[in-house]
Amino acid sequence: MLAKKLRKVIGKDKKIILDLSDMGQGEVEVIILQEEGHVACSAERVTDLPRHRLGKISGTLGREEIYGDAR
């Protein structure tokens, strides 16, 4: 089975035009995927990531230091 991925914008008339001139004749299945709500561009997604500054890591902790004498 061949797959073709296209990105289109649905206009005010609620129609899209697909150019399938590179595909042969025959039966096809069309699936429309749309994210709910606001669709963010990739630049917006990166700027929305949380940033944390926790300072320098001065060393490591061993199991005994983390759990103490819990058994």
PDB file of N, CA and C in Angstrom:
ATOM      1  N   MET A   1       0.851  -1.183   0.000  1.00  0.00           N
ATOM      2  CA  MET A   1       0.000   0.000   0.000  1.00  0.00           C
ATOM      3  C   MET A   1       0.888   1.233   0.000  1.00  0.00           C
ATOM      4  N   LEU A   2       0.600   2.142  -0.878  1.00  0.00           N
ATOM      5  CA  LEU A   2       1.311   3.419  -0.943  1.00  0.00           C
ATOM      6  C   LEU A   2       0.693   4.403   0.038  1.00  0.00           C
ATOM      7  N   ALA A   3       1.501   5.310   0.549  1.00  0.00           N
ATOM      8  CA  ALA A   3       1.000   6.359   1.438  1.00  0.00           C
ATOM      9  C   ALA A   3       1.505   7.698   0.935  1.00  0.00           C
ATOM     10  N   LYS A   4       0.682   8.694   1.053  1.00  0.00           N
ATOM     11  CA  LYS A   4       1.051  10.054   0.646  1.00  0.00           C
ATOM     12  C   LYS A   4       0.608  10.992   1.752  1.00  0.00           C
ATOM     13  N   LYS A   5       1.508  11.811   2.238  1.00  0.00           N
ATOM     14  CA  LYS A   5       1.192  12.757   3.312  1.00  0.00           C
ATOM     15  C   LYS A   5       1.204  14.172   2.738  1.00  0.00           C
ATOM     16  N   LEU A   6       0.114  14.874   2.933  1.00  0.00           N
ATOM     17  CA  LEU A   6      -0.026  16.244   2.447  1.00  0.00           C
ATOM     18  C   LEU A   6      -0.424  17.147   3.598  1.00  0.00           C
ATOM     19  N   ARG A   7      -0.013  18.384   3.538  1.00  0.00           N
ATOM     20  CA  ARG A   7      -0.468  19.381   4.509  1.00  0.00           C
ATOM     21  C   ARG A   7      -1.263  20.428   3.745  1.00  0.00           C
ATOM     22  N   LYS A   8      -2.453  20.655   4.182  1.00  0.00           N
ATOM     23  CA  LYS A   8      -3.326  21.640   3.542  1.00  0.00           C
ATOM     24  C   LYS A   8      -3.981  22.486   4.618  1.00  0.00           C
ATOM     25  N   VAL A   9      -4.443  23.649   4.233  1.00  0.00           N
ATOM     26  CA  VAL A   9      -5.191  24.534   5.120  1.00  0.00           C
ATOM     27  C   VAL A   9      -6.630  24.556   4.644  1.00  0.00           C
ATOM     28  N   ILE A  10      -7.537  24.317   5.560  1.00  0.00           N
ATOM     29  CA  ILE A  10      -8.956  24.383   5.219  1.00  0.00           C
ATOM     30  C   ILE A  10      -9.352  25.856   5.209  1.00  0.00           C
ATOM     31  N   GLY A  11      -9.852  26.309   4.086  1.00  0.00           N
ATOM     32  CA  GLY A  11     -10.233  27.709   3.944  1.00  0.00           C
ATOM     33  C   GLY A  11     -11.612  28.000   4.514  1.00  0.00           C
ATOM     34  N   LYS A  12     -12.042  29.233   4.345  1.00  0.00           N
ATOM     35  CA  LYS A  12     -13.357  29.636   4.845  1.00  0.00           C
ATOM     36  C   LYS A  12     -14.484  28.870   4.170  1.00  0.00           C
ATOM     37  N   ASP A  13     -14.230  28.432   2.934  1.00  0.00           N
ATOM     38  CA  ASP A  13     -15.260  27.668   2.219  1.00  0.00           C
ATOM     39  C   ASP A  13     -15.291  26.194   2.642  1.00  0.00           C
ATOM     40  N   LYS A  14     -14.406  25.794   3.560  1.00  0.00           N
ATOM     41  CA  LYS A  14     -14.338  24.424   4.106  1.00  0.00           C
ATOM     42  C   LYS A  14     -13.987  23.397   3.038  1.00  0.00           C
ATOM     43  N   LYS A  15     -13.156  23.782   2.066  1.00  0.00           N
ATOM     44  CA  LYS A  15     -12.764  22.881   0.994  1.00  0.00           C
ATOM     45  C   LYS A  15     -11.245  22.845   0.884  1.00  0.00           C
ATOM     46  N   ILE A  16     -10.719  21.703   0.445  1.00  0.00           N
ATOM     47  CA  ILE A  16      -9.306  21.584   0.107  1.00  0.00           C
ATOM     48  C   ILE A  16      -9.208  20.947  -1.282  1.00  0.00           C
ATOM     49  N   ILE A  17      -8.133  21.256  -1.992  1.00  0.00           N
ATOM     50  CA  ILE A  17      -7.899  20.702  -3.319  1.00  0.00           C
ATOM     51  C   ILE A  17      -6.626  19.865  -3.231  1.00  0.00           C
ATOM     52  N   LEU A  18      -6.717  18.612  -3.680  1.00  0.00           N
ATOM     53  CA  LEU A  18      -5.580  17.708  -3.636  1.00  0.00           C
ATOM     54  C   LEU A  18      -5.082  17.432  -5.039  1.00  0.00           C
ATOM     55  N   ASP A  19      -3.773  17.508  -5.250  1.00  0.00           N
ATOM     56  CA  ASP A  19      -3.161  17.160  -6.527  1.00  0.00           C
ATOM     57  C   ASP A  19      -2.560  15.767  -6.373  1.00  0.00           C
ATOM     58  N   LEU A  20      -3.169  14.799  -7.026  1.00  0.00           N
ATOM     59  CA  LEU A  20      -2.715  13.414  -6.945  1.00  0.00           C
ATOM     60  C   LEU A  20      -2.221  12.911  -8.294  1.00  0.00           C
ATOM     61  N   SER A  21      -1.647  13.807  -9.080  1.00  0.00           N
ATOM     62  CA  SER A  21      -1.212  13.453 -10.429  1.00  0.00           C
ATOM     63  C   SER A  21      -0.087  12.424 -10.435  1.00  0.00           C
ATOM     64  N   ASP A  22       0.616  12.245  -9.335  1.00  0.00           N
ATOM     65  CA  ASP A  22       1.704  11.275  -9.285  1.00  0.00           C
ATOM     66  C   ASP A  22       1.247   9.895  -8.812  1.00  0.00           C
ATOM     67  N   MET A  23      -0.064   9.723  -8.590  1.00  0.00           N
ATOM     68  CA  MET A  23      -0.605   8.439  -8.147  1.00  0.00           C
ATOM     69  C   MET A  23      -1.447   7.831  -9.264  1.00  0.00           C
ATOM     70  N   GLY A  24      -1.505   6.514  -9.289  1.00  0.00           N
ATOM     71  CA  GLY A  24      -2.275   5.817 -10.303  1.00  0.00           C
ATOM     72  C   GLY A  24      -3.764   5.800  -9.974  1.00  0.00           C
ATOM     73  N   GLN A  25      -4.556   5.341 -10.946  1.00  0.00           N
ATOM     74  CA  GLN A  25      -5.999   5.229 -10.740  1.00  0.00           C
ATOM     75  C   GLN A  25      -6.297   4.092  -9.787  1.00  0.00           C
ATOM     76  N   GLY A  26      -7.428   4.168  -9.140  1.00  0.00           N
ATOM     77  CA  GLY A  26      -7.861   3.100  -8.260  1.00  0.00           C
ATOM     78  C   GLY A  26      -8.485   3.652  -6.988  1.00  0.00           C
ATOM     79  N   GLU A  27      -8.927   2.743  -6.166  1.00  0.00           N
ATOM     80  CA  GLU A  27      -9.604   3.108  -4.926  1.00  0.00           C
ATOM     81  C   GLU A  27      -8.579   3.600  -3.902  1.00  0.00           C
ATOM     82  N   VAL A  28      -8.921   4.646  -3.172  1.00  0.00           N
ATOM     83  CA  VAL A  28      -8.060   5.198  -2.120  1.00  0.00           C
ATOM     84  C   VAL A  28      -8.881   5.407  -0.855  1.00  0.00           C
ATOM     85  N   GLU A  29      -8.208   5.547   0.239  1.00  0.00           N
ATOM     86  CA  GLU A  29      -8.840   5.859   1.518  1.00  0.00           C
ATOM     87  C   GLU A  29      -8.255   7.179   1.986  1.00  0.00           C
ATOM     88  N   VAL A  30      -9.103   8.118   2.380  1.00  0.00           N
ATOM     89  CA  VAL A  30      -8.664   9.440   2.801  1.00  0.00           C
ATOM     90  C   VAL A  30      -8.928   9.581   4.296  1.00  0.00           C
ATOM     91  N   ILE A  31      -7.904   9.989   5.032  1.00  0.00           N
ATOM     92  CA  ILE A  31      -8.026  10.221   6.478  1.00  0.00           C
ATOM     93  C   ILE A  31      -7.643  11.663   6.742  1.00  0.00           C
ATOM     94  N   ILE A  32      -8.494  12.400   7.425  1.00  0.00           N
ATOM     95  CA  ILE A  32      -8.236  13.791   7.767  1.00  0.00           C
ATOM     96  C   ILE A  32      -7.929  13.863   9.264  1.00  0.00           C
ATOM     97  N   LEU A  33      -6.772  14.424   9.620  1.00  0.00           N
ATOM     98  CA  LEU A  33      -6.377  14.591  11.011  1.00  0.00           C
ATOM     99  C   LEU A  33      -6.261  16.079  11.315  1.00  0.00           C
ATOM    100  N   GLN A  34      -6.842  16.495  12.429  1.00  0.00           N
ATOM    101  CA  GLN A  34      -6.747  17.897  12.827  1.00  0.00           C
ATOM    102  C   GLN A  34      -6.636  17.942  14.339  1.00  0.00           C
ATOM    103  N   GLU A  35      -5.642  18.697  14.833  1.00  0.00           N
ATOM    104  CA  GLU A  35      -5.501  18.853  16.271  1.00  0.00           C
ATOM    105  C   GLU A  35      -6.627  19.716  16.797  1.00  0.00           C
ATOM    106  N   GLU A  36      -7.036  19.415  18.011  1.00  0.00           N
ATOM    107  CA  GLU A  36      -8.086  20.210  18.641  1.00  0.00           C
ATOM    108  C   GLU A  36      -7.484  21.486  19.201  1.00  0.00           C
ATOM    109  N   GLY A  37      -8.252  22.556  19.188  1.00  0.00           N
ATOM    110  CA  GLY A  37      -7.805  23.818  19.776  1.00  0.00           C
ATOM    111  C   GLY A  37      -6.758  24.505  18.923  1.00  0.00           C
ATOM    112  N   HIS A  38      -5.900  25.276  19.579  1.00  0.00           N
ATOM    113  CA  HIS A  38      -4.864  26.068  18.912  1.00  0.00           C
ATOM    114  C   HIS A  38      -3.760  25.156  18.392  1.00  0.00           C
ATOM    115  N   VAL A  39      -3.369  25.326  17.148  1.00  0.00           N
ATOM    116  CA  VAL A  39      -2.270  24.568  16.570  1.00  0.00           C
ATOM    117  C   VAL A  39      -1.044  25.467  16.605  1.00  0.00           C
ATOM    118  N   ALA A  40      -0.067  25.080  17.408  1.00  0.00           N
ATOM    119  CA  ALA A  40       1.140  25.890  17.570  1.00  0.00           C
ATOM    120  C   ALA A  40       2.177  25.502  16.533  1.00  0.00           C
ATOM    121  N   CYS A  41       2.905  26.481  16.039  1.00  0.00           N
ATOM    122  CA  CYS A  41       4.004  26.179  15.127  1.00  0.00           C
ATOM    123  C   CYS A  41       5.186  25.667  15.951  1.00  0.00           C
ATOM    124  N   SER A  42       6.191  25.141  15.291  1.00  0.00           N
ATOM    125  CA  SER A  42       7.315  24.533  16.011  1.00  0.00           C
ATOM    126  C   SER A  42       8.065  25.560  16.863  1.00  0.00           C
ATOM    127  N   ALA A  43       8.154  26.813  16.434  1.00  0.00           N
ATOM    128  CA  ALA A  43       8.844  27.837  17.225  1.00  0.00           C
ATOM    129  C   ALA A  43       8.097  28.107  18.527  1.00  0.00           C
ATOM    130  N   GLU A  44       6.767  28.106  18.490  1.00  0.00           N
ATOM    131  CA  GLU A  44       5.983  28.312  19.705  1.00  0.00           C
ATOM    132  C   GLU A  44       6.153  27.154  20.671  1.00  0.00           C
ATOM    133  N   ARG A  45       6.251  25.941  20.157  1.00  0.00           N
ATOM    134  CA  ARG A  45       6.393  24.772  21.018  1.00  0.00           C
ATOM    135  C   ARG A  45       7.709  24.819  21.788  1.00  0.00           C
ATOM    136  N   VAL A  46       8.785  25.249  21.156  1.00  0.00           N
ATOM    137  CA  VAL A  46      10.085  25.308  21.817  1.00  0.00           C
ATOM    138  C   VAL A  46      10.087  26.383  22.895  1.00  0.00           C
ATOM    139  N   THR A  47       9.497  27.525  22.633  1.00  0.00           N
ATOM    140  CA  THR A  47       9.509  28.601  23.626  1.00  0.00           C
ATOM    141  C   THR A  47       8.605  28.312  24.811  1.00  0.00           C
ATOM    142  N   ASP A  48       7.652  27.384  24.658  1.00  0.00           N
ATOM    143  CA  ASP A  48       6.765  27.039  25.757  1.00  0.00           C
ATOM    144  C   ASP A  48       7.365  26.020  26.723  1.00  0.00           C
ATOM    145  N   LEU A  49       8.507  25.437  26.370  1.00  0.00           N
ATOM    146  CA  LEU A  49       9.111  24.448  27.252  1.00  0.00           C
ATOM    147  C   LEU A  49       9.610  25.119  28.533  1.00  0.00           C
ATOM    148  N   PRO A  50       9.404  24.492  29.690  1.00  0.00           N
ATOM    149  CA  PRO A  50       9.878  25.093  30.933  1.00  0.00           C
ATOM    150  C   PRO A  50      11.395  25.069  31.012  1.00  0.00           C
ATOM    151  N   ARG A  51      11.954  26.088  31.629  1.00  0.00           N
ATOM    152  CA  ARG A  51      13.405  26.176  31.809  1.00  0.00           C
ATOM    153  C   ARG A  51      13.691  26.214  33.299  1.00  0.00           C
ATOM    154  N   HIS A  52      14.683  25.443  33.706  1.00  0.00           N
ATOM    155  CA  HIS A  52      15.045  25.379  35.112  1.00  0.00           C
ATOM    156  C   HIS A  52      16.538  25.619  35.263  1.00  0.00           C
ATOM    157  N   ARG A  53      16.908  26.445  36.213  1.00  0.00           N
ATOM    158  CA  ARG A  53      18.310  26.626  36.552  1.00  0.00           C
ATOM    159  C   ARG A  53      18.472  26.158  37.987  1.00  0.00           C
ATOM    160  N   LEU A  54      19.107  25.015  38.130  1.00  0.00           N
ATOM    161  CA  LEU A  54      19.234  24.418  39.452  1.00  0.00           C
ATOM    162  C   LEU A  54      20.627  24.592  40.048  1.00  0.00           C
ATOM    163  N   GLY A  55      21.501  25.253  39.356  1.00  0.00           N
ATOM    164  CA  GLY A  55      22.849  25.459  39.865  1.00  0.00           C
ATOM    165  C   GLY A  55      23.770  24.325  39.480  1.00  0.00           C
ATOM    166  N   LYS A  56      24.993  24.370  40.043  1.00  0.00           N
ATOM    167  CA  LYS A  56      25.993  23.360  39.726  1.00  0.00           C
ATOM    168  C   LYS A  56      25.723  22.077  40.493  1.00  0.00           C
ATOM    169  N   ILE A  57      26.090  20.971  39.890  1.00  0.00           N
ATOM    170  CA  ILE A  57      26.014  19.684  40.568  1.00  0.00           C
ATOM    171  C   ILE A  57      27.354  19.480  41.256  1.00  0.00           C
ATOM    172  N   SER A  58      27.327  19.420  42.583  1.00  0.00           N
ATOM    173  CA  SER A  58      28.575  19.366  43.341  1.00  0.00           C
ATOM    174  C   SER A  58      29.081  17.947  43.557  1.00  0.00           C
ATOM    175  N   GLY A  59      28.263  16.955  43.358  1.00  0.00           N
ATOM    176  CA  GLY A  59      28.710  15.585  43.566  1.00  0.00           C
ATOM    177  C   GLY A  59      27.575  14.618  43.316  1.00  0.00           C
ATOM    178  N   THR A  60      27.759  13.377  43.751  1.00  0.00           N
ATOM    179  CA  THR A  60      26.735  12.371  43.569  1.00  0.00           C
ATOM    180  C   THR A  60      26.293  11.846  44.924  1.00  0.00           C
ATOM    181  N   LEU A  61      25.123  11.255  44.958  1.00  0.00           N
ATOM    182  CA  LEU A  61      24.612  10.644  46.178  1.00  0.00           C
ATOM    183  C   LEU A  61      24.592   9.142  46.007  1.00  0.00           C
ATOM    184  N   GLY A  62      25.000   8.444  47.055  1.00  0.00           N
ATOM    185  CA  GLY A  62      24.926   6.989  47.035  1.00  0.00           C
ATOM    186  C   GLY A  62      23.567   6.533  47.549  1.00  0.00           C
ATOM    187  N   ARG A  63      23.275   5.274  47.354  1.00  0.00           N
ATOM    188  CA  ARG A  63      22.000   4.705  47.803  1.00  0.00           C
ATOM    189  C   ARG A  63      21.801   4.896  49.303  1.00  0.00           C
ATOM    190  N   GLU A  64      22.844   4.715  50.066  1.00  0.00           N
ATOM    191  CA  GLU A  64      22.753   4.854  51.515  1.00  0.00           C
ATOM    192  C   GLU A  64      22.380   6.278  51.934  1.00  0.00           C
ATOM    193  N   GLU A  65      22.915   7.251  51.192  1.00  0.00           N
ATOM    194  CA  GLU A  65      22.614   8.654  51.521  1.00  0.00           C
ATOM    195  C   GLU A  65      21.183   9.025  51.162  1.00  0.00           C
ATOM    196  N   ILE A  66      20.641   8.410  50.136  1.00  0.00           N
ATOM    197  CA  ILE A  66      19.281   8.720  49.720  1.00  0.00           C
ATOM    198  C   ILE A  66      18.272   8.058  50.657  1.00  0.00           C
ATOM    199  N   TYR A  67      18.469   6.765  50.927  1.00  0.00           N
ATOM    200  CA  TYR A  67      17.478   6.021  51.694  1.00  0.00           C
ATOM    201  C   TYR A  67      17.793   5.938  53.186  1.00  0.00           C
ATOM    202  N   GLY A  68      18.979   6.292  53.591  1.00  0.00           N
ATOM    203  CA  GLY A  68      19.327   6.215  55.004  1.00  0.00           C
ATOM    204  C   GLY A  68      19.275   4.775  55.497  1.00  0.00           C
ATOM    205  N   ASP A  69      18.667   4.575  56.643  1.00  0.00           N
ATOM    206  CA  ASP A  69      18.592   3.230  57.184  1.00  0.00           C
ATOM    207  C   ASP A  69      17.208   2.617  56.984  1.00  0.00           C
ATOM    208  N   ALA A  70      16.473   3.053  55.996  1.00  0.00           N
ATOM    209  CA  ALA A  70      15.152   2.466  55.693  1.00  0.00           C
ATOM    210  C   ALA A  70      15.363   1.089  55.080  1.00  0.00           C
ATOM    211  N   ARG A  71      14.598   0.129  55.554  1.00  0.00           N
ATOM    212  CA  ARG A  71      14.760  -1.249  55.042  1.00  0.00           C
ATOM    213  C   ARG A  71      13.457  -1.799  54.585  1.00  0.00           C
TER     214      ARG A  71
END
